[in-house]
Amino acid sequence: MTDDEPVTADPPESAMHTTGTDHVTIWGSNAEDTVAFYRDLLGMPLVLRQPNLDDPSQTHLFFDTGDGRMLTFFVSDDRDADTAPQATPTGAVHHLAFRFDPDRFRTVVGALEADGRTYNEFDRGIFHSLYTRDNDGLVVELTTDVYEIPDDRRGEVLATAQRIREGEGAEYAQAEHLRRALEELDLPVVEHDLPDAATGTGMD
């Protein structure tokens, strides 16, 4: 694959087309620390707990990430949490990203600080992100959109912003590209009040 591959929201020619994300499963440490981070800090309801059906000596936890899509963990009480950064070889998970309401941005920052979590804050152009680590050292991104994007049009909006970005020769998608994409698609342009932050791209 090269940079010449088309970026589009149109479904590709394929024998199958996924209809959405059902769940992602993480190899976790223990239930107590996992629940403390994902339920008690991030606010994800714990909706199902049962044995790991492939290995009943472990427990399988299901958290609702906020839209009915699940994040699940295989946990065992004999595994200690370790917040040290994880190695990320090819095929490993680099980070998980979860959206939150932009009106709650300062509340989210306050919750991280109250929990003693270190974090980095970046303006990523089309979204604004906080990066922290979970109880097992996995990078977790908490992100919110600079402009409101309808969930059912997200792919279309981003692909349009990509075309605009490429047309201008910009290094990455920025807020202006997203605004123009919304206008081109006749969608409401609603900008959220988010604080200034570094881009974190090495181009500040």
C-alpha atoms as a PDB file:
ATOM      1  CA  MET A   1       0.000   0.000   0.000  1.00  0.00           C
ATOM      2  CA  THR A   2       1.230   3.475  -0.844  1.00  0.00           C
ATOM      3  CA  ASP A   3       0.103   7.038  -0.207  1.00  0.00           C
ATOM      4  CA  ASP A   4      -1.595   6.829  -3.603  1.00  0.00           C
ATOM      5  CA  GLU A   5      -4.266   4.473  -2.260  1.00  0.00           C
ATOM      6  CA  PRO A   6      -7.631   6.284  -2.391  1.00  0.00           C
ATOM      7  CA  VAL A   7      -9.155   7.457   0.874  1.00  0.00           C
ATOM      8  CA  THR A   8     -12.942   7.322   0.647  1.00  0.00           C
ATOM      9  CA  ALA A   9     -15.986   6.530   2.749  1.00  0.00           C
ATOM     10  CA  ASP A  10     -17.398   4.391  -0.089  1.00  0.00           C
ATOM     11  CA  PRO A  11     -17.452   0.647   0.713  1.00  0.00           C
ATOM     12  CA  PRO A  12     -14.637  -1.208  -1.071  1.00  0.00           C
ATOM     13  CA  GLU A  13     -15.113  -4.107  -3.466  1.00  0.00           C
ATOM     14  CA  SER A  14     -15.070  -6.951  -0.965  1.00  0.00           C
ATOM     15  CA  ALA A  15     -16.813 -10.251  -0.375  1.00  0.00           C
ATOM     16  CA  MET A  16     -17.941  -8.996   3.026  1.00  0.00           C
ATOM     17  CA  HIS A  17     -18.566  -5.677   4.722  1.00  0.00           C
ATOM     18  CA  THR A  18     -18.402  -5.309   8.496  1.00  0.00           C
ATOM     19  CA  THR A  19     -21.314  -3.531  10.131  1.00  0.00           C
ATOM     20  CA  GLY A  20     -19.402  -2.117  13.091  1.00  0.00           C
ATOM     21  CA  THR A  21     -17.135  -2.988  15.986  1.00  0.00           C
ATOM     22  CA  ASP A  22     -18.609  -5.619  18.298  1.00  0.00           C
ATOM     23  CA  HIS A  23     -15.833  -5.812  20.879  1.00  0.00           C
ATOM     24  CA  VAL A  24     -12.098  -5.669  21.433  1.00  0.00           C
ATOM     25  CA  THR A  25     -10.569  -8.025  24.009  1.00  0.00           C
ATOM     26  CA  ILE A  26      -7.475  -7.168  26.050  1.00  0.00           C
ATOM     27  CA  TRP A  27      -5.290  -9.548  28.023  1.00  0.00           C
ATOM     28  CA  GLY A  28      -5.629  -7.859  31.411  1.00  0.00           C
ATOM     29  CA  SER A  29      -4.242  -8.296  34.911  1.00  0.00           C
ATOM     30  CA  ASN A  30      -6.773  -8.627  37.734  1.00  0.00           C
ATOM     31  CA  ALA A  31     -10.443  -7.711  38.040  1.00  0.00           C
ATOM     32  CA  GLU A  32     -10.105  -5.198  40.898  1.00  0.00           C
ATOM     33  CA  ASP A  33      -7.612  -2.903  39.167  1.00  0.00           C
ATOM     34  CA  THR A  34      -9.292  -3.252  35.774  1.00  0.00           C
ATOM     35  CA  VAL A  35     -12.714  -2.332  37.164  1.00  0.00           C
ATOM     36  CA  ALA A  36     -11.209   0.583  39.117  1.00  0.00           C
ATOM     37  CA  PHE A  37      -9.820   2.126  35.923  1.00  0.00           C
ATOM     38  CA  TYR A  38     -12.443   1.375  33.277  1.00  0.00           C
ATOM     39  CA  ARG A  39     -15.628   1.517  35.363  1.00  0.00           C
ATOM     40  CA  ASP A  40     -14.792   3.794  38.274  1.00  0.00           C
ATOM     41  CA  LEU A  41     -12.521   6.296  36.479  1.00  0.00           C
ATOM     42  CA  LEU A  42     -13.630   6.220  32.826  1.00  0.00           C
ATOM     43  CA  GLY A  43     -17.280   5.575  33.680  1.00  0.00           C
ATOM     44  CA  MET A  44     -17.860   2.472  31.548  1.00  0.00           C
ATOM     45  CA  PRO A  45     -20.611   0.222  32.965  1.00  0.00           C
ATOM     46  CA  LEU A  46     -19.523  -3.344  33.718  1.00  0.00           C
ATOM     47  CA  VAL A  47     -22.327  -5.169  31.912  1.00  0.00           C
ATOM     48  CA  LEU A  48     -21.212  -8.811  31.890  1.00  0.00           C
ATOM     49  CA  ARG A  49     -18.865 -10.987  33.950  1.00  0.00           C
ATOM     50  CA  GLN A  50     -18.400 -14.660  33.252  1.00  0.00           C
ATOM     51  CA  PRO A  51     -15.649 -17.273  32.911  1.00  0.00           C
ATOM     52  CA  ASN A  52     -13.334 -17.086  29.916  1.00  0.00           C
ATOM     53  CA  LEU A  53     -14.963 -19.855  27.891  1.00  0.00           C
ATOM     54  CA  ASP A  54     -11.582 -20.940  26.489  1.00  0.00           C
ATOM     55  CA  ASP A  55      -9.984 -21.033  29.967  1.00  0.00           C
ATOM     56  CA  PRO A  56     -12.503 -21.085  32.847  1.00  0.00           C
ATOM     57  CA  SER A  57      -9.736 -20.364  35.373  1.00  0.00           C
ATOM     58  CA  GLN A  58      -9.891 -16.757  34.139  1.00  0.00           C
ATOM     59  CA  THR A  59     -12.703 -14.210  34.246  1.00  0.00           C
ATOM     60  CA  HIS A  60     -14.059 -12.353  31.202  1.00  0.00           C
ATOM     61  CA  LEU A  61     -15.196  -8.770  31.927  1.00  0.00           C
ATOM     62  CA  PHE A  62     -17.359  -6.783  29.483  1.00  0.00           C
ATOM     63  CA  PHE A  63     -17.506  -2.971  29.652  1.00  0.00           C
ATOM     64  CA  ASP A  64     -19.886  -0.826  27.573  1.00  0.00           C
ATOM     65  CA  THR A  65     -17.754   1.949  26.074  1.00  0.00           C
ATOM     66  CA  GLY A  66     -20.775   4.248  25.774  1.00  0.00           C
ATOM     67  CA  ASP A  67     -22.427   3.298  22.499  1.00  0.00           C
ATOM     68  CA  GLY A  68     -23.200  -0.366  23.088  1.00  0.00           C
ATOM     69  CA  ARG A  69     -19.825  -1.502  21.752  1.00  0.00           C
ATOM     70  CA  MET A  70     -17.835  -3.582  24.169  1.00  0.00           C
ATOM     71  CA  LEU A  71     -14.308  -3.546  25.536  1.00  0.00           C
ATOM     72  CA  THR A  72     -13.557  -6.845  27.241  1.00  0.00           C
ATOM     73  CA  PHE A  73     -10.733  -8.194  29.393  1.00  0.00           C
ATOM     74  CA  PHE A  74      -9.458 -11.609  30.368  1.00  0.00           C
ATOM     75  CA  VAL A  75      -8.375 -11.204  34.001  1.00  0.00           C
ATOM     76  CA  SER A  76      -7.100 -13.383  36.830  1.00  0.00           C
ATOM     77  CA  ASP A  77      -6.520 -12.548  40.486  1.00  0.00           C
ATOM     78  CA  ASP A  78      -3.017 -14.010  40.337  1.00  0.00           C
ATOM     79  CA  ARG A  79      -1.843 -11.298  37.912  1.00  0.00           C
ATOM     80  CA  ASP A  80      -0.634  -8.016  39.359  1.00  0.00           C
ATOM     81  CA  ALA A  81      -1.277  -4.735  37.590  1.00  0.00           C
ATOM     82  CA  ASP A  82       1.808  -2.991  36.229  1.00  0.00           C
ATOM     83  CA  THR A  83       1.558   0.566  34.958  1.00  0.00           C
ATOM     84  CA  ALA A  84       4.980   0.497  33.286  1.00  0.00           C
ATOM     85  CA  PRO A  85       4.809   1.292  29.530  1.00  0.00           C
ATOM     86  CA  GLN A  86       4.091  -1.756  27.391  1.00  0.00           C
ATOM     87  CA  ALA A  87       6.298  -2.877  24.541  1.00  0.00           C
ATOM     88  CA  THR A  88       4.518  -2.448  21.204  1.00  0.00           C
ATOM     89  CA  PRO A  89       6.040  -4.776  18.598  1.00  0.00           C
ATOM     90  CA  THR A  90       4.366  -5.236  15.241  1.00  0.00           C
ATOM     91  CA  GLY A  91       0.874  -6.621  15.786  1.00  0.00           C
ATOM     92  CA  ALA A  92       0.575  -5.232  19.311  1.00  0.00           C
ATOM     93  CA  VAL A  93      -1.992  -2.655  20.405  1.00  0.00           C
ATOM     94  CA  HIS A  94      -0.476   0.829  20.365  1.00  0.00           C
ATOM     95  CA  HIS A  95      -3.339   2.515  22.232  1.00  0.00           C
ATOM     96  CA  LEU A  96      -7.083   2.539  22.818  1.00  0.00           C
ATOM     97  CA  ALA A  97      -9.061   5.714  22.126  1.00  0.00           C
ATOM     98  CA  PHE A  98     -12.427   6.661  23.604  1.00  0.00           C
ATOM     99  CA  ARG A  99     -14.536   9.725  22.841  1.00  0.00           C
ATOM    100  CA  PHE A 100     -16.074  11.928  25.487  1.00  0.00           C
ATOM    101  CA  ASP A 101     -18.386  14.932  25.525  1.00  0.00           C
ATOM    102  CA  PRO A 102     -16.393  18.133  24.832  1.00  0.00           C
ATOM    103  CA  ASP A 103     -18.461  19.970  27.464  1.00  0.00           C
ATOM    104  CA  ARG A 104     -16.899  17.656  30.046  1.00  0.00           C
ATOM    105  CA  PHE A 105     -13.291  18.292  29.009  1.00  0.00           C
ATOM    106  CA  ARG A 106     -12.269  20.078  32.203  1.00  0.00           C
ATOM    107  CA  THR A 107     -14.132  17.512  34.299  1.00  0.00           C
ATOM    108  CA  VAL A 108     -12.189  14.713  32.604  1.00  0.00           C
ATOM    109  CA  VAL A 109      -8.882  16.506  33.272  1.00  0.00           C
ATOM    110  CA  GLY A 110      -9.877  16.988  36.904  1.00  0.00           C
ATOM    111  CA  ALA A 111     -10.800  13.317  37.294  1.00  0.00           C
ATOM    112  CA  LEU A 112      -7.422  12.199  35.936  1.00  0.00           C
ATOM    113  CA  GLU A 113      -5.620  14.538  38.304  1.00  0.00           C
ATOM    114  CA  ALA A 114      -7.732  13.495  41.292  1.00  0.00           C
ATOM    115  CA  ASP A 115      -6.890   9.853  40.528  1.00  0.00           C
ATOM    116  CA  GLY A 116      -3.179  10.672  40.477  1.00  0.00           C
ATOM    117  CA  ARG A 117      -2.882   9.919  36.742  1.00  0.00           C
ATOM    118  CA  THR A 118      -0.237  11.583  34.638  1.00  0.00           C
ATOM    119  CA  TYR A 119      -1.409  12.624  31.166  1.00  0.00           C
ATOM    120  CA  ASN A 120      -0.373  14.503  28.041  1.00  0.00           C
ATOM    121  CA  GLU A 121      -2.700  16.920  26.271  1.00  0.00           C
ATOM    122  CA  PHE A 122      -2.510  17.562  22.524  1.00  0.00           C
ATOM    123  CA  ASP A 123      -4.387  19.471  19.862  1.00  0.00           C
ATOM    124  CA  ARG A 124      -4.485  16.924  17.044  1.00  0.00           C
ATOM    125  CA  GLY A 125      -6.018  19.291  14.497  1.00  0.00           C
ATOM    126  CA  ILE A 126      -9.439  17.719  14.020  1.00  0.00           C
ATOM    127  CA  PHE A 127      -9.687  16.447  17.589  1.00  0.00           C
ATOM    128  CA  HIS A 128      -8.308  17.208  21.039  1.00  0.00           C
ATOM    129  CA  SER A 129      -6.782  14.410  23.092  1.00  0.00           C
ATOM    130  CA  LEU A 130      -5.588  13.450  26.536  1.00  0.00           C
ATOM    131  CA  TYR A 131      -3.214  10.486  26.797  1.00  0.00           C
ATOM    132  CA  THR A 132      -2.780   8.458  29.957  1.00  0.00           C
ATOM    133  CA  ARG A 133      -2.096   4.812  30.871  1.00  0.00           C
ATOM    134  CA  ASP A 134      -4.412   2.212  32.310  1.00  0.00           C
ATOM    135  CA  ASN A 135      -3.673  -0.101  35.239  1.00  0.00           C
ATOM    136  CA  ASP A 136      -1.596  -2.357  32.978  1.00  0.00           C
ATOM    137  CA  GLY A 137       0.454   0.290  31.201  1.00  0.00           C
ATOM    138  CA  LEU A 138      -1.646   0.394  28.024  1.00  0.00           C
ATOM    139  CA  VAL A 139      -1.874   3.870  26.497  1.00  0.00           C
ATOM    140  CA  VAL A 140      -5.450   5.177  26.634  1.00  0.00           C
ATOM    141  CA  GLU A 141      -6.448   8.224  24.594  1.00  0.00           C
ATOM    142  CA  LEU A 142      -9.449  10.269  25.687  1.00  0.00           C
ATOM    143  CA  THR A 143     -10.488  12.313  22.700  1.00  0.00           C
ATOM    144  CA  THR A 144     -13.123  14.833  21.740  1.00  0.00           C
ATOM    145  CA  ASP A 145     -13.929  16.436  18.393  1.00  0.00           C
ATOM    146  CA  VAL A 146     -13.080  20.062  17.621  1.00  0.00           C
ATOM    147  CA  TYR A 147     -16.268  20.243  15.533  1.00  0.00           C
ATOM    148  CA  GLU A 148     -19.407  18.200  16.074  1.00  0.00           C
ATOM    149  CA  ILE A 149     -19.552  15.252  13.654  1.00  0.00           C
ATOM    150  CA  PRO A 150     -22.704  13.114  13.274  1.00  0.00           C
ATOM    151  CA  ASP A 151     -21.815   9.500  14.070  1.00  0.00           C
ATOM    152  CA  ASP A 152     -23.541   8.201  10.954  1.00  0.00           C
ATOM    153  CA  ARG A 153     -21.561  10.607   8.727  1.00  0.00           C
ATOM    154  CA  ARG A 154     -18.154  10.363  10.456  1.00  0.00           C
ATOM    155  CA  GLY A 155     -16.411   8.378   7.722  1.00  0.00           C
ATOM    156  CA  GLU A 156     -17.782  10.659   5.013  1.00  0.00           C
ATOM    157  CA  VAL A 157     -16.719  13.802   6.890  1.00  0.00           C
ATOM    158  CA  LEU A 158     -13.200  12.529   7.553  1.00  0.00           C
ATOM    159  CA  ALA A 159     -12.712  11.339   3.969  1.00  0.00           C
ATOM    160  CA  THR A 160     -13.823  14.766   2.716  1.00  0.00           C
ATOM    161  CA  ALA A 161     -11.436  16.505   5.131  1.00  0.00           C
ATOM    162  CA  GLN A 162      -8.677  14.221   3.830  1.00  0.00           C
ATOM    163  CA  ARG A 163      -9.347  15.280   0.236  1.00  0.00           C
ATOM    164  CA  ILE A 164      -9.259  18.948   1.236  1.00  0.00           C
ATOM    165  CA  ARG A 165      -6.041  18.398   3.202  1.00  0.00           C
ATOM    166  CA  GLU A 166      -4.351  16.659   0.284  1.00  0.00           C
ATOM    167  CA  GLY A 167      -5.469  19.409  -2.079  1.00  0.00           C
ATOM    168  CA  GLU A 168      -3.676  21.945   0.087  1.00  0.00           C
ATOM    169  CA  GLY A 169      -0.596  19.788   0.627  1.00  0.00           C
ATOM    170  CA  ALA A 170      -1.004  19.993   4.414  1.00  0.00           C
ATOM    171  CA  GLU A 171       0.943  17.538   6.575  1.00  0.00           C
ATOM    172  CA  TYR A 172      -2.103  16.443   8.550  1.00  0.00           C
ATOM    173  CA  ALA A 173      -5.832  17.142   8.851  1.00  0.00           C
ATOM    174  CA  GLN A 174      -6.526  20.364  10.716  1.00  0.00           C
ATOM    175  CA  ALA A 175      -9.616  22.037  12.142  1.00  0.00           C
ATOM    176  CA  GLU A 176     -10.015  24.238   9.063  1.00  0.00           C
ATOM    177  CA  HIS A 177     -10.162  21.153   6.796  1.00  0.00           C
ATOM    178  CA  LEU A 178     -12.826  19.623   9.017  1.00  0.00           C
ATOM    179  CA  ARG A 179     -14.904  22.798   9.046  1.00  0.00           C
ATOM    180  CA  ARG A 180     -14.790  23.027   5.268  1.00  0.00           C
ATOM    181  CA  ALA A 181     -15.725  19.345   4.959  1.00  0.00           C
ATOM    182  CA  LEU A 182     -18.810  19.921   7.097  1.00  0.00           C
ATOM    183  CA  GLU A 183     -19.782  22.930   4.992  1.00  0.00           C
ATOM    184  CA  GLU A 184     -19.275  20.992   1.744  1.00  0.00           C
ATOM    185  CA  LEU A 185     -21.521  18.199   3.028  1.00  0.00           C
ATOM    186  CA  ASP A 186     -24.189  20.694   4.182  1.00  0.00           C
ATOM    187  CA  LEU A 187     -23.807  19.637   7.810  1.00  0.00           C
ATOM    188  CA  PRO A 188     -24.101  22.022  10.770  1.00  0.00           C
ATOM    189  CA  VAL A 189     -20.807  23.620  11.772  1.00  0.00           C
ATOM    190  CA  VAL A 190     -20.675  23.501  15.566  1.00  0.00           C
ATOM    191  CA  GLU A 191     -17.265  24.305  17.061  1.00  0.00           C
ATOM    192  CA  HIS A 192     -16.454  23.218  20.609  1.00  0.00           C
ATOM    193  CA  ASP A 193     -14.637  25.433  23.071  1.00  0.00           C
ATOM    194  CA  LEU A 194     -11.430  23.538  23.783  1.00  0.00           C
ATOM    195  CA  PRO A 195      -8.190  24.856  25.286  1.00  0.00           C
ATOM    196  CA  ASP A 196      -5.062  25.588  23.283  1.00  0.00           C
ATOM    197  CA  ALA A 197      -2.467  22.823  23.352  1.00  0.00           C
ATOM    198  CA  ALA A 198       0.623  21.693  21.507  1.00  0.00           C
ATOM    199  CA  THR A 199       0.084  19.446  18.479  1.00  0.00           C
ATOM    200  CA  GLY A 200       2.539  16.813  19.685  1.00  0.00           C
ATOM    201  CA  THR A 201       3.628  16.246  16.072  1.00  0.00           C
ATOM    202  CA  GLY A 202       7.172  17.537  16.376  1.00  0.00           C
ATOM    203  CA  MET A 203       6.153  20.451  14.137  1.00  0.00           C
ATOM    204  CA  ASP A 204       5.226  22.932  16.900  1.00  0.00           C
END
